[in-house]
Amino acid sequence: MQYRRLGTSGLKLSEIGLGSWLTYGTRVEMEQAQACVRKAYDLGINHFDCAVVYGSEPHEAERMLGQVLKEFPRHTYTVTSKVFWKVGPSTYDQGLSRKHLMERVDMSLKAMQLDYIDIYYCHRFDPETDVEETLRALDDLVAQGKILYYGFSEWSAAQIENAARIVDKRNLRRPVVNQPVYNMLNRYIEKEVIPVCTREGIGQVVFSPLAQGVLTGKYKPGSAPPAGTRGADEKVGRFVRQMLNDQELLAKVQKLKPIAERNGLTMAQLALAWVLQNPQVTCALIGATRPEQVEENVKASGVKLSPEDLKEIDEVLA
């Protein structure tokens, strides 16, 4: 496993991190989920991503993750949580207000059985809360030692740029991380988000590097999603349904297989290695339902693709 510095912070994250979205606390039993976390830690993954809303009920994935992370020395890993989405009936069970942030952090710490959270994300932009209120609350949470760093997830370039201006003007602690979707099929951050973040010293921890499994090549054009896959799951399949209905896209993905094979890689490893070719990406978050998947995916760390490979990938997916 290789490690990269997160923006201008002092954190060094594993190039591959383990995420919890759509898996832990929902589709994967506790024992199996914890086996994936243990395998990840054994293989050098030091970054574990979670959120309030992950799981079949609020904080459920956090509880699972905290239970197994207790087995490891606290200083050897980083763990995250995210807040924004509505998780209860109250008007205060959502958003990025000072009240919600302050109260929800304590709930996450209790769920994960931790004294502090390494990175706390604003899971989306909140148009109903003044940005300065949110940033001041985050600054106070760092001062209180409840979180060490903070950042944003799926904020636009303009929103990130505005936040950076405010923290500098008010002399608040700066954000260090952005968590967007990024993969061969979704590269929107390259145009505006990455340039803004690079200028502001904000690193990228990206999710969905395998495009919800589409880039593994397991979804074939003209065929039903294999049993047991995310695409075959009626509840979570909605996140990948549009891509599965695009037969032309699925056919293009199959053409990536020769590129993977000549590099001695699986399709999943190729997709992860492609993401990590971007020097502004610190960590790519994977999801795993079995320890063997973790073992396979970590092999993408340190892989260097040639300029010819990168050009051919662009041409195939154009």
C-alpha atoms as a PDB file:
ATOM      1  CA  MET A   1       0.000   0.000   0.000  1.00  0.00           C
ATOM      2  CA  GLN A   2       1.196   3.474  -0.843  1.00  0.00           C
ATOM      3  CA  TYR A   3       0.149   6.666   0.927  1.00  0.00           C
ATOM      4  CA  ARG A   4      -0.470  10.244  -0.189  1.00  0.00           C
ATOM      5  CA  ARG A   5      -0.672  13.566   1.593  1.00  0.00           C
ATOM      6  CA  LEU A   6      -4.173  15.006   1.837  1.00  0.00           C
ATOM      7  CA  GLY A   7      -4.016  18.493   0.344  1.00  0.00           C
ATOM      8  CA  THR A   8      -1.822  20.735   2.483  1.00  0.00           C
ATOM      9  CA  SER A   9      -2.782  18.937   5.709  1.00  0.00           C
ATOM     10  CA  GLY A  10      -0.475  16.656   7.655  1.00  0.00           C
ATOM     11  CA  LEU A  11      -2.643  13.601   6.993  1.00  0.00           C
ATOM     12  CA  LYS A  12      -1.262  10.767   4.879  1.00  0.00           C
ATOM     13  CA  LEU A  13      -3.999   8.464   3.643  1.00  0.00           C
ATOM     14  CA  SER A  14      -3.747   5.090   1.970  1.00  0.00           C
ATOM     15  CA  GLU A  15      -4.328   5.342  -1.774  1.00  0.00           C
ATOM     16  CA  ILE A  16      -7.233   2.939  -1.316  1.00  0.00           C
ATOM     17  CA  GLY A  17      -9.776   3.609   1.438  1.00  0.00           C
ATOM     18  CA  LEU A  18     -12.747   1.537   2.592  1.00  0.00           C
ATOM     19  CA  GLY A  19     -16.208   3.083   2.331  1.00  0.00           C
ATOM     20  CA  SER A  20     -19.538   2.086   3.867  1.00  0.00           C
ATOM     21  CA  TRP A  21     -22.130   3.461   1.455  1.00  0.00           C
ATOM     22  CA  LEU A  22     -24.839   0.941   0.384  1.00  0.00           C
ATOM     23  CA  THR A  23     -23.029  -1.900   2.144  1.00  0.00           C
ATOM     24  CA  TYR A  24     -22.391  -1.847   5.876  1.00  0.00           C
ATOM     25  CA  GLY A  25     -25.507  -1.619   8.007  1.00  0.00           C
ATOM     26  CA  THR A  26     -27.694  -2.521   5.017  1.00  0.00           C
ATOM     27  CA  ARG A  27     -26.758  -5.285   2.561  1.00  0.00           C
ATOM     28  CA  VAL A  28     -23.891  -6.922   4.452  1.00  0.00           C
ATOM     29  CA  GLU A  29     -24.199  -8.803   7.724  1.00  0.00           C
ATOM     30  CA  MET A  30     -22.215  -7.529  10.705  1.00  0.00           C
ATOM     31  CA  GLU A  31     -19.718 -10.384  10.823  1.00  0.00           C
ATOM     32  CA  GLN A  32     -18.978 -10.194   7.106  1.00  0.00           C
ATOM     33  CA  ALA A  33     -18.673  -6.405   7.180  1.00  0.00           C
ATOM     34  CA  GLN A  34     -16.225  -6.539  10.072  1.00  0.00           C
ATOM     35  CA  ALA A  35     -14.167  -9.170   8.230  1.00  0.00           C
ATOM     36  CA  CYS A  36     -13.820  -6.689   5.344  1.00  0.00           C
ATOM     37  CA  VAL A  37     -12.638  -3.957   7.722  1.00  0.00           C
ATOM     38  CA  ARG A  38     -10.084  -6.268   9.351  1.00  0.00           C
ATOM     39  CA  LYS A  39      -8.770  -7.373   5.974  1.00  0.00           C
ATOM     40  CA  ALA A  40      -8.492  -3.753   4.843  1.00  0.00           C
ATOM     41  CA  TYR A  41      -6.523  -2.784   7.942  1.00  0.00           C
ATOM     42  CA  ASP A  42      -4.225  -5.812   7.572  1.00  0.00           C
ATOM     43  CA  LEU A  43      -3.492  -4.792   3.969  1.00  0.00           C
ATOM     44  CA  GLY A  44      -2.466  -1.275   4.922  1.00  0.00           C
ATOM     45  CA  ILE A  45      -5.697   0.679   4.462  1.00  0.00           C
ATOM     46  CA  ASN A  46      -5.695   3.426   7.074  1.00  0.00           C
ATOM     47  CA  HIS A  47      -8.739   5.400   5.925  1.00  0.00           C
ATOM     48  CA  PHE A  48     -12.313   4.341   6.721  1.00  0.00           C
ATOM     49  CA  ASP A  49     -15.229   6.383   5.431  1.00  0.00           C
ATOM     50  CA  CYS A  50     -18.704   6.571   6.923  1.00  0.00           C
ATOM     51  CA  ALA A  51     -21.697   8.903   7.335  1.00  0.00           C
ATOM     52  CA  VAL A  52     -24.649   9.511   9.624  1.00  0.00           C
ATOM     53  CA  VAL A  53     -27.086   8.393   6.946  1.00  0.00           C
ATOM     54  CA  TYR A  54     -25.307   5.152   5.974  1.00  0.00           C
ATOM     55  CA  GLY A  55     -27.146   2.026   7.044  1.00  0.00           C
ATOM     56  CA  SER A  56     -30.786   1.040   7.335  1.00  0.00           C
ATOM     57  CA  GLU A  57     -31.190   3.604  10.112  1.00  0.00           C
ATOM     58  CA  PRO A  58     -29.173   6.682  11.185  1.00  0.00           C
ATOM     59  CA  HIS A  59     -25.716   5.910  12.628  1.00  0.00           C
ATOM     60  CA  GLU A  60     -26.044   2.150  12.002  1.00  0.00           C
ATOM     61  CA  ALA A  61     -22.988   1.908   9.737  1.00  0.00           C
ATOM     62  CA  GLU A  62     -21.075   4.088  12.199  1.00  0.00           C
ATOM     63  CA  ARG A  63     -21.863   1.649  15.008  1.00  0.00           C
ATOM     64  CA  MET A  64     -20.644  -1.297  12.941  1.00  0.00           C
ATOM     65  CA  LEU A  65     -17.452   0.478  11.958  1.00  0.00           C
ATOM     66  CA  GLY A  66     -16.694   1.685  15.465  1.00  0.00           C
ATOM     67  CA  GLN A  67     -17.194  -1.780  16.909  1.00  0.00           C
ATOM     68  CA  VAL A  68     -14.450  -3.316  14.765  1.00  0.00           C
ATOM     69  CA  LEU A  69     -12.082  -0.325  14.747  1.00  0.00           C
ATOM     70  CA  LYS A  70     -11.813  -0.658  18.539  1.00  0.00           C
ATOM     71  CA  GLU A  71      -9.510  -3.609  17.854  1.00  0.00           C
ATOM     72  CA  PHE A  72      -6.819  -1.338  16.407  1.00  0.00           C
ATOM     73  CA  PRO A  73      -4.659   1.407  17.990  1.00  0.00           C
ATOM     74  CA  ARG A  74      -6.536   4.678  17.509  1.00  0.00           C
ATOM     75  CA  HIS A  75      -3.520   6.573  16.181  1.00  0.00           C
ATOM     76  CA  THR A  76      -3.046   4.143  13.280  1.00  0.00           C
ATOM     77  CA  TYR A  77      -6.161   4.980  11.232  1.00  0.00           C
ATOM     78  CA  THR A  78      -8.403   7.836  10.149  1.00  0.00           C
ATOM     79  CA  VAL A  79     -12.188   7.620  10.231  1.00  0.00           C
ATOM     80  CA  THR A  80     -14.761  10.008   8.788  1.00  0.00           C
ATOM     81  CA  SER A  81     -18.408  10.867   9.080  1.00  0.00           C
ATOM     82  CA  LYS A  82     -20.704  13.135   7.087  1.00  0.00           C
ATOM     83  CA  VAL A  83     -23.751  15.185   7.948  1.00  0.00           C
ATOM     84  CA  PHE A  84     -26.528  16.900   5.973  1.00  0.00           C
ATOM     85  CA  TRP A  85     -29.288  14.500   4.887  1.00  0.00           C
ATOM     86  CA  LYS A  86     -32.559  14.270   6.817  1.00  0.00           C
ATOM     87  CA  VAL A  87     -32.371  11.450   9.375  1.00  0.00           C
ATOM     88  CA  GLY A  88     -35.400  12.092  11.581  1.00  0.00           C
ATOM     89  CA  PRO A  89     -38.795  13.811  11.899  1.00  0.00           C
ATOM     90  CA  SER A  90     -37.546  17.040  13.489  1.00  0.00           C
ATOM     91  CA  THR A  91     -36.722  20.139  11.468  1.00  0.00           C
ATOM     92  CA  TYR A  92     -33.335  19.942  13.214  1.00  0.00           C
ATOM     93  CA  ASP A  93     -32.599  16.431  11.912  1.00  0.00           C
ATOM     94  CA  GLN A  94     -31.062  17.729   8.704  1.00  0.00           C
ATOM     95  CA  GLY A  95     -28.904  20.418   7.147  1.00  0.00           C
ATOM     96  CA  LEU A  96     -25.752  22.234   8.193  1.00  0.00           C
ATOM     97  CA  SER A  97     -27.022  24.532  10.909  1.00  0.00           C
ATOM     98  CA  ARG A  98     -24.836  25.065  13.955  1.00  0.00           C
ATOM     99  CA  LYS A  99     -27.436  23.271  16.091  1.00  0.00           C
ATOM    100  CA  HIS A 100     -27.513  20.186  13.892  1.00  0.00           C
ATOM    101  CA  LEU A 101     -23.731  19.980  13.501  1.00  0.00           C
ATOM    102  CA  MET A 102     -23.032  20.307  17.226  1.00  0.00           C
ATOM    103  CA  GLU A 103     -25.615  17.724  18.238  1.00  0.00           C
ATOM    104  CA  ARG A 104     -24.995  15.261  15.434  1.00  0.00           C
ATOM    105  CA  VAL A 105     -21.241  15.103  16.046  1.00  0.00           C
ATOM    106  CA  ASP A 106     -21.907  13.905  19.592  1.00  0.00           C
ATOM    107  CA  MET A 107     -24.292  11.236  18.267  1.00  0.00           C
ATOM    108  CA  SER A 108     -21.671  10.025  15.780  1.00  0.00           C
ATOM    109  CA  LEU A 109     -18.954   9.911  18.448  1.00  0.00           C
ATOM    110  CA  LYS A 110     -21.224   7.844  20.680  1.00  0.00           C
ATOM    111  CA  ALA A 111     -22.158   5.500  17.825  1.00  0.00           C
ATOM    112  CA  MET A 112     -18.525   4.909  16.832  1.00  0.00           C
ATOM    113  CA  GLN A 113     -17.275   4.847  20.450  1.00  0.00           C
ATOM    114  CA  LEU A 114     -14.627   7.432  19.634  1.00  0.00           C
ATOM    115  CA  ASP A 115     -13.239  10.529  21.328  1.00  0.00           C
ATOM    116  CA  TYR A 116     -12.796  12.339  18.018  1.00  0.00           C
ATOM    117  CA  ILE A 117     -13.533  12.022  14.298  1.00  0.00           C
ATOM    118  CA  ASP A 118     -10.587  12.584  11.973  1.00  0.00           C
ATOM    119  CA  ILE A 119     -12.541  14.141   9.086  1.00  0.00           C
ATOM    120  CA  TYR A 120     -16.057  15.536   9.221  1.00  0.00           C
ATOM    121  CA  TYR A 121     -17.787  16.247   5.899  1.00  0.00           C
ATOM    122  CA  CYS A 122     -20.630  18.514   4.895  1.00  0.00           C
ATOM    123  CA  HIS A 123     -22.375  15.759   2.927  1.00  0.00           C
ATOM    124  CA  ARG A 124     -23.982  18.263   0.557  1.00  0.00           C
ATOM    125  CA  PHE A 125     -24.320  22.045   0.315  1.00  0.00           C
ATOM    126  CA  ASP A 126     -27.124  23.477   2.450  1.00  0.00           C
ATOM    127  CA  PRO A 127     -28.870  26.403   0.699  1.00  0.00           C
ATOM    128  CA  GLU A 128     -30.954  27.097   3.834  1.00  0.00           C
ATOM    129  CA  THR A 129     -28.015  27.816   6.161  1.00  0.00           C
ATOM    130  CA  ASP A 130     -25.587  30.687   5.841  1.00  0.00           C
ATOM    131  CA  VAL A 131     -22.207  29.235   4.877  1.00  0.00           C
ATOM    132  CA  GLU A 132     -20.403  31.277   7.510  1.00  0.00           C
ATOM    133  CA  GLU A 133     -22.576  29.753  10.238  1.00  0.00           C
ATOM    134  CA  THR A 134     -21.566  26.271   9.078  1.00  0.00           C
ATOM    135  CA  LEU A 135     -17.883  27.161   8.815  1.00  0.00           C
ATOM    136  CA  ARG A 136     -17.804  28.765  12.266  1.00  0.00           C
ATOM    137  CA  ALA A 137     -19.454  25.682  13.777  1.00  0.00           C
ATOM    138  CA  LEU A 138     -16.873  23.429  12.116  1.00  0.00           C
ATOM    139  CA  ASP A 139     -14.074  25.672  13.364  1.00  0.00           C
ATOM    140  CA  ASP A 140     -15.450  25.383  16.896  1.00  0.00           C
ATOM    141  CA  LEU A 141     -15.706  21.595  16.629  1.00  0.00           C
ATOM    142  CA  VAL A 142     -12.012  21.456  15.698  1.00  0.00           C
ATOM    143  CA  ALA A 143     -11.182  23.754  18.634  1.00  0.00           C
ATOM    144  CA  GLN A 144     -13.157  21.434  20.933  1.00  0.00           C
ATOM    145  CA  GLY A 145     -11.191  18.426  19.680  1.00  0.00           C
ATOM    146  CA  LYS A 146     -14.306  16.586  18.497  1.00  0.00           C
ATOM    147  CA  ILE A 147     -13.111  16.653  14.887  1.00  0.00           C
ATOM    148  CA  LEU A 148      -9.588  17.172  13.561  1.00  0.00           C
ATOM    149  CA  TYR A 149     -10.283  18.265   9.973  1.00  0.00           C
ATOM    150  CA  TYR A 150     -13.302  19.033   7.832  1.00  0.00           C
ATOM    151  CA  GLY A 151     -14.307  19.203   4.212  1.00  0.00           C
ATOM    152  CA  PHE A 152     -17.125  18.975   1.696  1.00  0.00           C
ATOM    153  CA  SER A 153     -18.789  16.323  -0.442  1.00  0.00           C
ATOM    154  CA  GLU A 154     -20.247  17.106  -3.868  1.00  0.00           C
ATOM    155  CA  TRP A 155     -19.980  20.879  -3.456  1.00  0.00           C
ATOM    156  CA  SER A 156     -19.545  22.875  -6.633  1.00  0.00           C
ATOM    157  CA  ALA A 157     -16.333  24.708  -7.456  1.00  0.00           C
ATOM    158  CA  ALA A 158     -18.024  28.042  -6.724  1.00  0.00           C
ATOM    159  CA  GLN A 159     -19.287  26.848  -3.347  1.00  0.00           C
ATOM    160  CA  ILE A 160     -15.834  25.582  -2.352  1.00  0.00           C
ATOM    161  CA  GLU A 161     -14.206  28.797  -3.553  1.00  0.00           C
ATOM    162  CA  ASN A 162     -16.653  30.908  -1.540  1.00  0.00           C
ATOM    163  CA  ALA A 163     -16.036  28.832   1.597  1.00  0.00           C
ATOM    164  CA  ALA A 164     -12.271  29.303   1.197  1.00  0.00           C
ATOM    165  CA  ARG A 165     -12.753  33.075   0.921  1.00  0.00           C
ATOM    166  CA  ILE A 166     -14.860  33.173   4.083  1.00  0.00           C
ATOM    167  CA  VAL A 167     -12.446  31.161   6.245  1.00  0.00           C
ATOM    168  CA  ASP A 168      -9.546  33.350   5.149  1.00  0.00           C
ATOM    169  CA  LYS A 169     -11.493  36.549   5.776  1.00  0.00           C
ATOM    170  CA  ARG A 170     -12.673  35.389   9.226  1.00  0.00           C
ATOM    171  CA  ASN A 171      -9.386  33.679  10.147  1.00  0.00           C
ATOM    172  CA  LEU A 172     -11.057  30.290  10.575  1.00  0.00           C
ATOM    173  CA  ARG A 173      -9.467  26.879  10.125  1.00  0.00           C
ATOM    174  CA  ARG A 174      -9.367  25.895   6.469  1.00  0.00           C
ATOM    175  CA  PRO A 175     -11.058  22.891   4.838  1.00  0.00           C
ATOM    176  CA  VAL A 176      -8.605  20.194   3.747  1.00  0.00           C
ATOM    177  CA  VAL A 177     -10.648  17.717   1.722  1.00  0.00           C
ATOM    178  CA  ASN A 178     -13.333  17.343  -0.920  1.00  0.00           C
ATOM    179  CA  GLN A 179     -15.193  14.090  -1.581  1.00  0.00           C
ATOM    180  CA  PRO A 180     -16.725  13.955  -5.072  1.00  0.00           C
ATOM    181  CA  VAL A 181     -17.701  11.128  -7.386  1.00  0.00           C
ATOM    182  CA  TYR A 182     -14.862  10.453  -9.837  1.00  0.00           C
ATOM    183  CA  ASN A 183     -14.243   7.631 -12.275  1.00  0.00           C
ATOM    184  CA  MET A 184     -13.583   6.953 -15.956  1.00  0.00           C
ATOM    185  CA  LEU A 185     -17.249   7.610 -16.737  1.00  0.00           C
ATOM    186  CA  ASN A 186     -17.732  10.697 -14.580  1.00  0.00           C
ATOM    187  CA  ARG A 187     -14.929  13.248 -14.785  1.00  0.00           C
ATOM    188  CA  TYR A 188     -16.797  16.481 -14.090  1.00  0.00           C
ATOM    189  CA  ILE A 189     -14.406  17.562 -11.310  1.00  0.00           C
ATOM    190  CA  GLU A 190     -11.473  17.888 -13.704  1.00  0.00           C
ATOM    191  CA  LYS A 191     -12.764  21.093 -15.300  1.00  0.00           C
ATOM    192  CA  GLU A 192     -13.403  23.375 -12.311  1.00  0.00           C
ATOM    193  CA  VAL A 193     -13.454  21.564  -8.961  1.00  0.00           C
ATOM    194  CA  ILE A 194      -9.905  20.198  -9.014  1.00  0.00           C
ATOM    195  CA  PRO A 195      -8.300  23.500 -10.142  1.00  0.00           C
ATOM    196  CA  VAL A 196     -10.067  25.384  -7.324  1.00  0.00           C
ATOM    197  CA  CYS A 197      -9.174  22.738  -4.737  1.00  0.00           C
ATOM    198  CA  THR A 198      -5.549  22.593  -5.887  1.00  0.00           C
ATOM    199  CA  ARG A 199      -5.233  26.336  -5.478  1.00  0.00           C
ATOM    200  CA  GLU A 200      -6.798  26.175  -2.006  1.00  0.00           C
ATOM    201  CA  GLY A 201      -4.747  23.190  -0.795  1.00  0.00           C
ATOM    202  CA  ILE A 202      -7.761  20.862  -0.664  1.00  0.00           C
ATOM    203  CA  GLY A 203      -7.195  17.169  -1.462  1.00  0.00           C
ATOM    204  CA  GLN A 204      -9.609  14.763  -3.169  1.00  0.00           C
ATOM    205  CA  VAL A 205     -10.947  11.594  -1.562  1.00  0.00           C
ATOM    206  CA  VAL A 206     -13.150  10.222  -4.322  1.00  0.00           C
ATOM    207  CA  PHE A 207     -16.074   7.842  -4.152  1.00  0.00           C
ATOM    208  CA  SER A 208     -17.536   5.460  -6.722  1.00  0.00           C
ATOM    209  CA  PRO A 209     -14.216   4.907  -8.565  1.00  0.00           C
ATOM    210  CA  LEU A 210     -15.728   1.744 -10.089  1.00  0.00           C
ATOM    211  CA  ALA A 211     -18.923   3.569 -11.166  1.00  0.00           C
ATOM    212  CA  GLN A 212     -21.086   1.424  -8.885  1.00  0.00           C
ATOM    213  CA  GLY A 213     -19.430  -1.701 -10.256  1.00  0.00           C
ATOM    214  CA  VAL A 214     -20.048  -0.909 -13.938  1.00  0.00           C
ATOM    215  CA  LEU A 215     -16.292  -0.565 -14.586  1.00  0.00           C
ATOM    216  CA  THR A 216     -15.626  -4.069 -13.271  1.00  0.00           C
ATOM    217  CA  GLY A 217     -17.129  -5.386 -16.511  1.00  0.00           C
ATOM    218  CA  LYS A 218     -19.557  -7.701 -14.723  1.00  0.00           C
ATOM    219  CA  TYR A 219     -22.577  -6.024 -16.333  1.00  0.00           C
ATOM    220  CA  LYS A 220     -22.750  -7.221 -19.938  1.00  0.00           C
ATOM    221  CA  PRO A 221     -24.772  -5.537 -22.690  1.00  0.00           C
ATOM    222  CA  GLY A 222     -27.980  -7.410 -23.395  1.00  0.00           C
ATOM    223  CA  SER A 223     -27.773  -9.439 -20.181  1.00  0.00           C
ATOM    224  CA  ALA A 224     -29.542  -9.127 -16.849  1.00  0.00           C
ATOM    225  CA  PRO A 225     -27.407  -8.030 -13.871  1.00  0.00           C
ATOM    226  CA  PRO A 226     -25.800 -11.076 -12.231  1.00  0.00           C
ATOM    227  CA  ALA A 227     -27.534 -12.333  -9.089  1.00  0.00           C
ATOM    228  CA  GLY A 228     -26.139 -10.888  -5.893  1.00  0.00           C
ATOM    229  CA  THR A 229     -24.751  -7.745  -7.529  1.00  0.00           C
ATOM    230  CA  ARG A 230     -25.747  -4.189  -6.693  1.00  0.00           C
ATOM    231  CA  GLY A 231     -27.466  -3.857 -10.055  1.00  0.00           C
ATOM    232  CA  ALA A 232     -29.709  -6.816  -9.252  1.00  0.00           C
ATOM    233  CA  ASP A 233     -30.691  -5.385  -5.876  1.00  0.00           C
ATOM    234  CA  GLU A 234     -34.073  -3.694  -6.260  1.00  0.00           C
ATOM    235  CA  LYS A 235     -33.455  -1.222  -3.424  1.00  0.00           C
ATOM    236  CA  VAL A 236     -29.931   0.039  -4.170  1.00  0.00           C
ATOM    237  CA  GLY A 237     -29.960  -0.731  -7.890  1.00  0.00           C
ATOM    238  CA  ARG A 238     -31.509   2.678  -8.547  1.00  0.00           C
ATOM    239  CA  PHE A 239     -28.066   4.233  -8.143  1.00  0.00           C
ATOM    240  CA  VAL A 240     -26.734   2.286 -11.122  1.00  0.00           C
ATOM    241  CA  ARG A 241     -29.898   1.759 -13.170  1.00  0.00           C
ATOM    242  CA  GLN A 242     -29.271   4.524 -15.711  1.00  0.00           C
ATOM    243  CA  MET A 243     -25.856   3.133 -16.639  1.00  0.00           C
ATOM    244  CA  LEU A 244     -27.192  -0.430 -16.864  1.00  0.00           C
ATOM    245  CA  ASN A 245     -29.844   0.736 -19.310  1.00  0.00           C
ATOM    246  CA  ASP A 246     -27.183   2.270 -21.566  1.00  0.00           C
ATOM    247  CA  GLN A 247     -26.218  -0.667 -23.767  1.00  0.00           C
ATOM    248  CA  GLU A 248     -23.707   1.395 -25.746  1.00  0.00           C
ATOM    249  CA  LEU A 249     -21.920   2.337 -22.536  1.00  0.00           C
ATOM    250  CA  LEU A 250     -21.762  -1.266 -21.334  1.00  0.00           C
ATOM    251  CA  ALA A 251     -20.307  -2.293 -24.697  1.00  0.00           C
ATOM    252  CA  LYS A 252     -17.608   0.374 -24.416  1.00  0.00           C
ATOM    253  CA  VAL A 253     -16.665  -0.815 -20.933  1.00  0.00           C
ATOM    254  CA  GLN A 254     -16.092  -4.342 -22.282  1.00  0.00           C
ATOM    255  CA  LYS A 255     -13.485  -2.885 -24.667  1.00  0.00           C
ATOM    256  CA  LEU A 256     -11.360  -1.904 -21.662  1.00  0.00           C
ATOM    257  CA  LYS A 257     -10.691  -5.565 -20.878  1.00  0.00           C
ATOM    258  CA  PRO A 258      -7.679  -5.956 -23.251  1.00  0.00           C
ATOM    259  CA  ILE A 259      -6.039  -2.887 -21.674  1.00  0.00           C
ATOM    260  CA  ALA A 260      -6.437  -4.426 -18.227  1.00  0.00           C
ATOM    261  CA  GLU A 261      -5.164  -7.820 -19.360  1.00  0.00           C
ATOM    262  CA  ARG A 262      -1.974  -6.543 -20.975  1.00  0.00           C
ATOM    263  CA  ASN A 263      -1.178  -4.726 -17.722  1.00  0.00           C
ATOM    264  CA  GLY A 264      -1.856  -7.834 -15.649  1.00  0.00           C
ATOM    265  CA  LEU A 265      -4.838  -6.161 -13.986  1.00  0.00           C
ATOM    266  CA  THR A 266      -8.465  -6.958 -13.391  1.00  0.00           C
ATOM    267  CA  MET A 267     -11.007  -4.489 -14.728  1.00  0.00           C
ATOM    268  CA  ALA A 268     -11.565  -3.182 -11.193  1.00  0.00           C
ATOM    269  CA  GLN A 269      -7.836  -2.683 -10.649  1.00  0.00           C
ATOM    270  CA  LEU A 270      -7.574  -0.831 -13.960  1.00  0.00           C
ATOM    271  CA  ALA A 271     -10.404   1.525 -12.975  1.00  0.00           C
ATOM    272  CA  LEU A 272      -8.826   2.227  -9.585  1.00  0.00           C
ATOM    273  CA  ALA A 273      -5.370   2.706 -11.076  1.00  0.00           C
ATOM    274  CA  TRP A 274      -6.828   5.158 -13.602  1.00  0.00           C
ATOM    275  CA  VAL A 275      -8.320   7.278 -10.812  1.00  0.00           C
ATOM    276  CA  LEU A 276      -5.001   7.273  -8.958  1.00  0.00           C
ATOM    277  CA  GLN A 277      -3.122   8.535 -12.011  1.00  0.00           C
ATOM    278  CA  ASN A 278      -4.548  11.951 -11.139  1.00  0.00           C
ATOM    279  CA  PRO A 279      -1.996  13.470  -8.735  1.00  0.00           C
ATOM    280  CA  GLN A 280      -4.694  15.551  -7.047  1.00  0.00           C
ATOM    281  CA  VAL A 281      -6.490  12.393  -5.887  1.00  0.00           C
ATOM    282  CA  THR A 282      -5.296  11.331  -2.449  1.00  0.00           C
ATOM    283  CA  CYS A 283      -7.511   8.298  -1.922  1.00  0.00           C
ATOM    284  CA  ALA A 284     -10.068   6.238  -3.834  1.00  0.00           C
ATOM    285  CA  LEU A 285     -12.851   4.757  -1.699  1.00  0.00           C
ATOM    286  CA  ILE A 286     -13.936   1.221  -2.454  1.00  0.00           C
ATOM    287  CA  GLY A 287     -16.945  -0.709  -1.221  1.00  0.00           C
ATOM    288  CA  ALA A 288     -16.606  -4.386  -0.410  1.00  0.00           C
ATOM    289  CA  THR A 289     -18.982  -7.145   0.628  1.00  0.00           C
ATOM    290  CA  ARG A 290     -16.260  -9.802   0.877  1.00  0.00           C
ATOM    291  CA  PRO A 291     -12.646  -9.640   2.156  1.00  0.00           C
ATOM    292  CA  GLU A 292     -11.451 -11.070  -1.173  1.00  0.00           C
ATOM    293  CA  GLN A 293     -12.684  -7.936  -2.927  1.00  0.00           C
ATOM    294  CA  VAL A 294     -10.577  -5.782  -0.642  1.00  0.00           C
ATOM    295  CA  GLU A 295      -7.563  -7.974  -1.323  1.00  0.00           C
ATOM    296  CA  GLU A 296      -8.052  -7.614  -5.067  1.00  0.00           C
ATOM    297  CA  ASN A 297      -8.644  -3.873  -5.075  1.00  0.00           C
ATOM    298  CA  VAL A 298      -5.650  -2.848  -2.948  1.00  0.00           C
ATOM    299  CA  LYS A 299      -3.384  -4.228  -5.671  1.00  0.00           C
ATOM    300  CA  ALA A 300      -4.209  -1.106  -7.701  1.00  0.00           C
ATOM    301  CA  SER A 301      -2.136   0.992  -5.307  1.00  0.00           C
ATOM    302  CA  GLY A 302       1.154   1.989  -6.906  1.00  0.00           C
ATOM    303  CA  VAL A 303       0.175   0.875 -10.430  1.00  0.00           C
ATOM    304  CA  LYS A 304       1.419   3.204 -13.168  1.00  0.00           C
ATOM    305  CA  LEU A 305      -0.438   3.277 -16.462  1.00  0.00           C
ATOM    306  CA  SER A 306       1.442   4.365 -19.578  1.00  0.00           C
ATOM    307  CA  PRO A 307       0.447   7.456 -21.590  1.00  0.00           C
ATOM    308  CA  GLU A 308      -0.561   5.050 -24.358  1.00  0.00           C
ATOM    309  CA  ASP A 309      -2.900   3.197 -21.984  1.00  0.00           C
ATOM    310  CA  LEU A 310      -4.489   6.431 -20.811  1.00  0.00           C
ATOM    311  CA  LYS A 311      -4.965   7.637 -24.382  1.00  0.00           C
ATOM    312  CA  GLU A 312      -6.573   4.355 -25.420  1.00  0.00           C
ATOM    313  CA  ILE A 313      -8.954   4.485 -22.439  1.00  0.00           C
ATOM    314  CA  ASP A 314     -10.021   7.977 -23.503  1.00  0.00           C
ATOM    315  CA  GLU A 315     -10.604   6.800 -27.042  1.00  0.00           C
ATOM    316  CA  VAL A 316     -12.619   3.745 -25.974  1.00  0.00           C
ATOM    317  CA  LEU A 317     -14.895   5.772 -23.704  1.00  0.00           C
ATOM    318  CA  ALA A 318     -15.135   8.890 -25.869  1.00  0.00           C
END
